[in-house]
Amino acid sequence: MNRTIGKRGNMLLLVTVLAAGTLFAAGSRKQIDTFLADYEKIVVKAEKAAENGTMLSLISLQAEAAKLVEKSDKLKDMSDWTEADSVKYLKLTERYMTAITKLSGSLTP
């Protein structure tokens, strides 16, 4: 298999898993705040990984994203999200996607 396709496939999986796990995440105020704080930590790691551009950074990021998805599975009720929560989530997602896109470009031979 072409290494570039494999790396891009891993990044696509990472983005898909994270997005799927977070779209339906909600719960009590504390759970939402914790979830958003954890998501922000992953976004910062993604931004750092994009700067480093290494496969090791991507692997570490995948592990962090998997943990976040596990946490999001415990959150069910979307009615607890405020407009501010949604805005923060969308901004974090935009930053995350920018970092992943940059990382994808840096891993291409």
N, C-alpha and C. Protein backbone atom coordinates (compact mmCIF):
# COMPACT_ATOMS: atom_id res chain seq x y z
N MET A 1 0.84 -1.18 0.00
CA MET A 1 0.00 0.00 0.00
C MET A 1 0.88 1.24 0.00
N ASN A 2 0.47 2.22 -0.73
CA ASN A 2 1.19 3.49 -0.78
C ASN A 2 1.18 4.11 0.62
N ARG A 3 2.35 4.53 1.12
CA ARG A 3 2.44 5.10 2.47
C ARG A 3 1.63 6.37 2.61
N THR A 4 1.56 7.16 1.54
CA THR A 4 0.80 8.41 1.58
C THR A 4 -0.68 8.11 1.77
N ILE A 5 -1.19 7.14 1.03
CA ILE A 5 -2.60 6.78 1.17
C ILE A 5 -2.86 6.27 2.58
N GLY A 6 -1.96 5.46 3.13
CA GLY A 6 -2.12 4.95 4.48
C GLY A 6 -2.17 6.07 5.51
N LYS A 7 -1.29 7.04 5.38
CA LYS A 7 -1.26 8.17 6.32
C LYS A 7 -2.53 9.00 6.19
N ARG A 8 -2.93 9.27 4.97
CA ARG A 8 -4.16 10.04 4.77
C ARG A 8 -5.36 9.27 5.27
N GLY A 9 -5.35 7.96 5.09
CA GLY A 9 -6.44 7.13 5.60
C GLY A 9 -6.51 7.21 7.11
N ASN A 10 -5.36 7.19 7.77
CA ASN A 10 -5.33 7.33 9.23
C ASN A 10 -5.87 8.68 9.67
N MET A 11 -5.50 9.73 8.96
CA MET A 11 -6.00 11.06 9.32
C MET A 11 -7.50 11.16 9.09
N LEU A 12 -7.98 10.59 7.99
CA LEU A 12 -9.41 10.62 7.72
C LEU A 12 -10.15 9.86 8.80
N LEU A 13 -9.63 8.71 9.20
CA LEU A 13 -10.25 7.94 10.27
C LEU A 13 -10.29 8.75 11.56
N LEU A 14 -9.20 9.42 11.87
CA LEU A 14 -9.11 10.24 13.07
C LEU A 14 -10.17 11.34 13.05
N VAL A 15 -10.29 12.04 11.94
CA VAL A 15 -11.27 13.11 11.81
C VAL A 15 -12.68 12.55 11.91
N THR A 16 -12.94 11.44 11.24
CA THR A 16 -14.28 10.85 11.23
C THR A 16 -14.68 10.38 12.61
N VAL A 17 -13.78 9.68 13.30
CA VAL A 17 -14.10 9.17 14.64
C VAL A 17 -14.34 10.32 15.60
N LEU A 18 -13.51 11.31 15.56
CA LEU A 18 -13.66 12.44 16.46
C LEU A 18 -14.96 13.18 16.19
N ALA A 19 -15.25 13.44 14.92
CA ALA A 19 -16.48 14.15 14.57
C ALA A 19 -17.71 13.34 14.95
N ALA A 20 -17.73 12.06 14.65
CA ALA A 20 -18.88 11.23 14.97
C ALA A 20 -19.10 11.15 16.47
N GLY A 21 -18.03 11.05 17.21
CA GLY A 21 -18.15 10.96 18.65
C GLY A 21 -18.59 12.24 19.31
N THR A 22 -18.30 13.35 18.69
CA THR A 22 -18.61 14.63 19.32
C THR A 22 -19.93 15.24 18.86
N LEU A 23 -20.44 14.87 17.73
CA LEU A 23 -21.66 15.48 17.24
C LEU A 23 -22.84 15.30 18.18
N PHE A 24 -22.89 14.18 18.86
CA PHE A 24 -24.03 13.88 19.71
C PHE A 24 -23.71 14.00 21.19
N ALA A 25 -22.60 14.62 21.50
CA ALA A 25 -22.17 14.71 22.88
C ALA A 25 -22.87 15.85 23.61
N ALA A 26 -23.34 15.55 24.78
CA ALA A 26 -23.92 16.57 25.66
C ALA A 26 -24.10 15.94 27.03
N GLY A 27 -24.67 16.67 27.96
CA GLY A 27 -24.90 16.14 29.30
C GLY A 27 -24.98 17.26 30.29
N SER A 28 -24.63 16.98 31.52
CA SER A 28 -24.69 18.01 32.55
C SER A 28 -23.67 19.10 32.26
N ARG A 29 -23.85 20.23 32.90
CA ARG A 29 -22.96 21.38 32.71
C ARG A 29 -21.50 20.98 32.92
N LYS A 30 -21.23 20.25 34.00
CA LYS A 30 -19.85 19.85 34.30
C LYS A 30 -19.32 18.93 33.20
N GLN A 31 -20.13 18.01 32.74
CA GLN A 31 -19.71 17.10 31.68
C GLN A 31 -19.40 17.86 30.39
N ILE A 32 -20.24 18.82 30.07
CA ILE A 32 -20.03 19.62 28.85
C ILE A 32 -18.75 20.43 28.97
N ASP A 33 -18.57 21.09 30.10
CA ASP A 33 -17.36 21.89 30.31
C ASP A 33 -16.10 21.02 30.23
N THR A 34 -16.15 19.85 30.84
CA THR A 34 -15.02 18.93 30.80
C THR A 34 -14.77 18.45 29.38
N PHE A 35 -15.84 18.11 28.68
CA PHE A 35 -15.73 17.65 27.31
C PHE A 35 -15.07 18.72 26.43
N LEU A 36 -15.55 19.96 26.53
CA LEU A 36 -14.99 21.04 25.72
C LEU A 36 -13.53 21.32 26.08
N ALA A 37 -13.20 21.25 27.35
CA ALA A 37 -11.81 21.46 27.79
C ALA A 37 -10.91 20.34 27.23
N ASP A 38 -11.40 19.12 27.29
CA ASP A 38 -10.62 17.99 26.74
C ASP A 38 -10.47 18.12 25.23
N TYR A 39 -11.54 18.54 24.57
CA TYR A 39 -11.49 18.72 23.12
C TYR A 39 -10.47 19.80 22.77
N GLU A 40 -10.45 20.87 23.55
CA GLU A 40 -9.49 21.94 23.29
C GLU A 40 -8.05 21.44 23.45
N LYS A 41 -7.82 20.58 24.43
CA LYS A 41 -6.48 20.01 24.60
C LYS A 41 -6.07 19.21 23.36
N ILE A 42 -7.02 18.47 22.81
CA ILE A 42 -6.73 17.68 21.60
C ILE A 42 -6.46 18.61 20.42
N VAL A 43 -7.22 19.69 20.33
CA VAL A 43 -7.00 20.66 19.25
C VAL A 43 -5.60 21.25 19.35
N VAL A 44 -5.19 21.61 20.54
CA VAL A 44 -3.84 22.17 20.73
C VAL A 44 -2.79 21.12 20.34
N LYS A 45 -3.01 19.87 20.72
CA LYS A 45 -2.08 18.81 20.33
C LYS A 45 -2.05 18.63 18.81
N ALA A 46 -3.21 18.76 18.18
CA ALA A 46 -3.28 18.65 16.71
C ALA A 46 -2.50 19.79 16.07
N GLU A 47 -2.63 20.99 16.63
CA GLU A 47 -1.89 22.13 16.10
C GLU A 47 -0.38 21.92 16.25
N LYS A 48 0.04 21.38 17.39
CA LYS A 48 1.46 21.10 17.60
C LYS A 48 1.93 19.98 16.67
N ALA A 49 1.09 18.97 16.49
CA ALA A 49 1.43 17.87 15.57
C ALA A 49 1.60 18.40 14.16
N ALA A 50 0.76 19.35 13.77
CA ALA A 50 0.85 19.94 12.43
C ALA A 50 2.17 20.69 12.27
N GLU A 51 2.62 21.32 13.34
CA GLU A 51 3.90 22.02 13.29
C GLU A 51 5.06 21.03 13.17
N ASN A 52 4.96 19.90 13.90
CA ASN A 52 6.02 18.88 13.89
C ASN A 52 5.98 18.04 12.63
N GLY A 53 4.78 17.74 12.16
CA GLY A 53 4.60 16.98 10.93
C GLY A 53 5.14 15.56 10.97
N THR A 54 5.09 14.91 12.14
CA THR A 54 5.61 13.55 12.23
C THR A 54 4.49 12.53 12.40
N MET A 55 4.76 11.32 11.95
CA MET A 55 3.80 10.23 12.09
C MET A 55 3.55 9.93 13.56
N LEU A 56 4.58 10.05 14.39
CA LEU A 56 4.42 9.80 15.82
C LEU A 56 3.40 10.78 16.41
N SER A 57 3.42 12.02 15.97
CA SER A 57 2.45 13.01 16.43
C SER A 57 1.03 12.58 16.07
N LEU A 58 0.87 12.06 14.88
CA LEU A 58 -0.45 11.61 14.42
C LEU A 58 -0.94 10.43 15.25
N ILE A 59 -0.06 9.48 15.54
CA ILE A 59 -0.43 8.31 16.33
C ILE A 59 -0.86 8.73 17.73
N SER A 60 -0.12 9.62 18.34
CA SER A 60 -0.46 10.13 19.67
C SER A 60 -1.81 10.85 19.63
N LEU A 61 -2.04 11.60 18.59
CA LEU A 61 -3.30 12.34 18.44
C LEU A 61 -4.47 11.38 18.30
N GLN A 62 -4.28 10.29 17.57
CA GLN A 62 -5.34 9.30 17.40
C GLN A 62 -5.73 8.70 18.75
N ALA A 63 -4.77 8.42 19.58
CA ALA A 63 -5.05 7.86 20.90
C ALA A 63 -5.86 8.84 21.75
N GLU A 64 -5.48 10.11 21.71
CA GLU A 64 -6.20 11.13 22.46
C GLU A 64 -7.64 11.27 21.95
N ALA A 65 -7.81 11.24 20.64
CA ALA A 65 -9.15 11.36 20.04
C ALA A 65 -10.02 10.18 20.45
N ALA A 66 -9.45 9.00 20.50
CA ALA A 66 -10.21 7.81 20.89
C ALA A 66 -10.71 7.94 22.33
N LYS A 67 -9.89 8.49 23.21
CA LYS A 67 -10.30 8.72 24.60
C LYS A 67 -11.46 9.71 24.66
N LEU A 68 -11.40 10.75 23.83
CA LEU A 68 -12.46 11.75 23.82
C LEU A 68 -13.77 11.13 23.33
N VAL A 69 -13.69 10.27 22.34
CA VAL A 69 -14.89 9.60 21.83
C VAL A 69 -15.51 8.75 22.93
N GLU A 70 -14.69 8.05 23.71
CA GLU A 70 -15.20 7.26 24.82
C GLU A 70 -15.95 8.15 25.81
N LYS A 71 -15.41 9.31 26.11
CA LYS A 71 -16.07 10.24 27.03
C LYS A 71 -17.38 10.74 26.44
N SER A 72 -17.38 11.01 25.14
CA SER A 72 -18.59 11.55 24.51
C SER A 72 -19.71 10.52 24.49
N ASP A 73 -19.37 9.24 24.51
CA ASP A 73 -20.40 8.19 24.53
C ASP A 73 -21.24 8.25 25.80
N LYS A 74 -20.70 8.82 26.85
CA LYS A 74 -21.42 8.91 28.12
C LYS A 74 -22.38 10.09 28.16
N LEU A 75 -22.25 10.97 27.18
CA LEU A 75 -23.08 12.17 27.13
C LEU A 75 -24.19 11.96 26.11
N LYS A 76 -25.44 12.15 26.51
CA LYS A 76 -26.55 11.82 25.61
C LYS A 76 -27.46 13.00 25.27
N ASP A 77 -27.79 13.86 26.20
CA ASP A 77 -28.83 14.87 26.01
C ASP A 77 -28.27 16.18 25.47
N MET A 78 -28.64 16.54 24.25
CA MET A 78 -28.13 17.76 23.61
C MET A 78 -28.79 19.03 24.16
N SER A 79 -29.85 18.90 24.92
CA SER A 79 -30.57 20.08 25.39
C SER A 79 -29.77 20.92 26.37
N ASP A 80 -28.72 20.37 26.95
CA ASP A 80 -27.91 21.11 27.92
C ASP A 80 -26.88 22.03 27.28
N TRP A 81 -26.68 21.92 25.96
CA TRP A 81 -25.72 22.77 25.28
C TRP A 81 -26.26 24.19 25.17
N THR A 82 -25.42 25.18 25.48
CA THR A 82 -25.79 26.58 25.29
C THR A 82 -25.28 27.04 23.93
N GLU A 83 -25.70 28.23 23.54
CA GLU A 83 -25.19 28.79 22.29
C GLU A 83 -23.67 28.99 22.37
N ALA A 84 -23.21 29.43 23.52
CA ALA A 84 -21.76 29.63 23.72
C ALA A 84 -21.00 28.30 23.59
N ASP A 85 -21.58 27.22 24.11
CA ASP A 85 -20.96 25.91 23.97
C ASP A 85 -20.83 25.54 22.50
N SER A 86 -21.91 25.76 21.76
CA SER A 86 -21.92 25.41 20.33
C SER A 86 -20.89 26.23 19.55
N VAL A 87 -20.80 27.52 19.87
CA VAL A 87 -19.83 28.38 19.19
C VAL A 87 -18.42 27.92 19.50
N LYS A 88 -18.15 27.62 20.77
CA LYS A 88 -16.81 27.15 21.15
C LYS A 88 -16.50 25.85 20.44
N TYR A 89 -17.46 24.93 20.40
CA TYR A 89 -17.26 23.65 19.74
C TYR A 89 -16.94 23.85 18.25
N LEU A 90 -17.69 24.72 17.60
CA LEU A 90 -17.47 24.96 16.18
C LEU A 90 -16.10 25.59 15.92
N LYS A 91 -15.69 26.52 16.77
CA LYS A 91 -14.37 27.14 16.61
C LYS A 91 -13.25 26.13 16.84
N LEU A 92 -13.43 25.27 17.83
CA LEU A 92 -12.44 24.23 18.08
C LEU A 92 -12.36 23.27 16.90
N THR A 93 -13.52 22.93 16.35
CA THR A 93 -13.56 22.02 15.21
C THR A 93 -12.87 22.65 14.00
N GLU A 94 -13.07 23.94 13.81
CA GLU A 94 -12.41 24.63 12.70
C GLU A 94 -10.89 24.60 12.88
N ARG A 95 -10.43 24.87 14.09
CA ARG A 95 -8.99 24.83 14.37
C ARG A 95 -8.44 23.42 14.17
N TYR A 96 -9.20 22.44 14.63
CA TYR A 96 -8.78 21.04 14.50
C TYR A 96 -8.66 20.65 13.03
N MET A 97 -9.65 20.99 12.24
CA MET A 97 -9.62 20.64 10.82
C MET A 97 -8.47 21.35 10.10
N THR A 98 -8.20 22.58 10.47
CA THR A 98 -7.07 23.31 9.88
C THR A 98 -5.76 22.60 10.21
N ALA A 99 -5.60 22.18 11.45
CA ALA A 99 -4.38 21.50 11.87
C ALA A 99 -4.23 20.15 11.16
N ILE A 100 -5.31 19.39 11.05
CA ILE A 100 -5.26 18.09 10.40
C ILE A 100 -4.94 18.25 8.92
N THR A 101 -5.51 19.26 8.30
CA THR A 101 -5.22 19.53 6.88
C THR A 101 -3.75 19.87 6.71
N LYS A 102 -3.22 20.70 7.60
CA LYS A 102 -1.80 21.04 7.55
C LYS A 102 -0.93 19.82 7.79
N LEU A 103 -1.31 19.01 8.76
CA LEU A 103 -0.56 17.79 9.05
C LEU A 103 -0.58 16.86 7.86
N SER A 104 -1.71 16.75 7.22
CA SER A 104 -1.84 15.89 6.03
C SER A 104 -0.87 16.33 4.94
N GLY A 105 -0.77 17.62 4.74
CA GLY A 105 0.15 18.15 3.73
C GLY A 105 1.60 17.93 4.08
N SER A 106 1.92 17.96 5.36
CA SER A 106 3.32 17.81 5.77
C SER A 106 3.78 16.36 5.71
N LEU A 107 2.84 15.41 5.71
CA LEU A 107 3.21 14.01 5.66
C LEU A 107 3.34 13.48 4.24
N THR A 108 2.93 14.28 3.27
CA THR A 108 3.01 13.85 1.88
C THR A 108 4.45 13.94 1.39
N PRO A 109 4.91 12.91 0.69
CA PRO A 109 6.31 12.93 0.23
C PRO A 109 6.54 14.00 -0.82
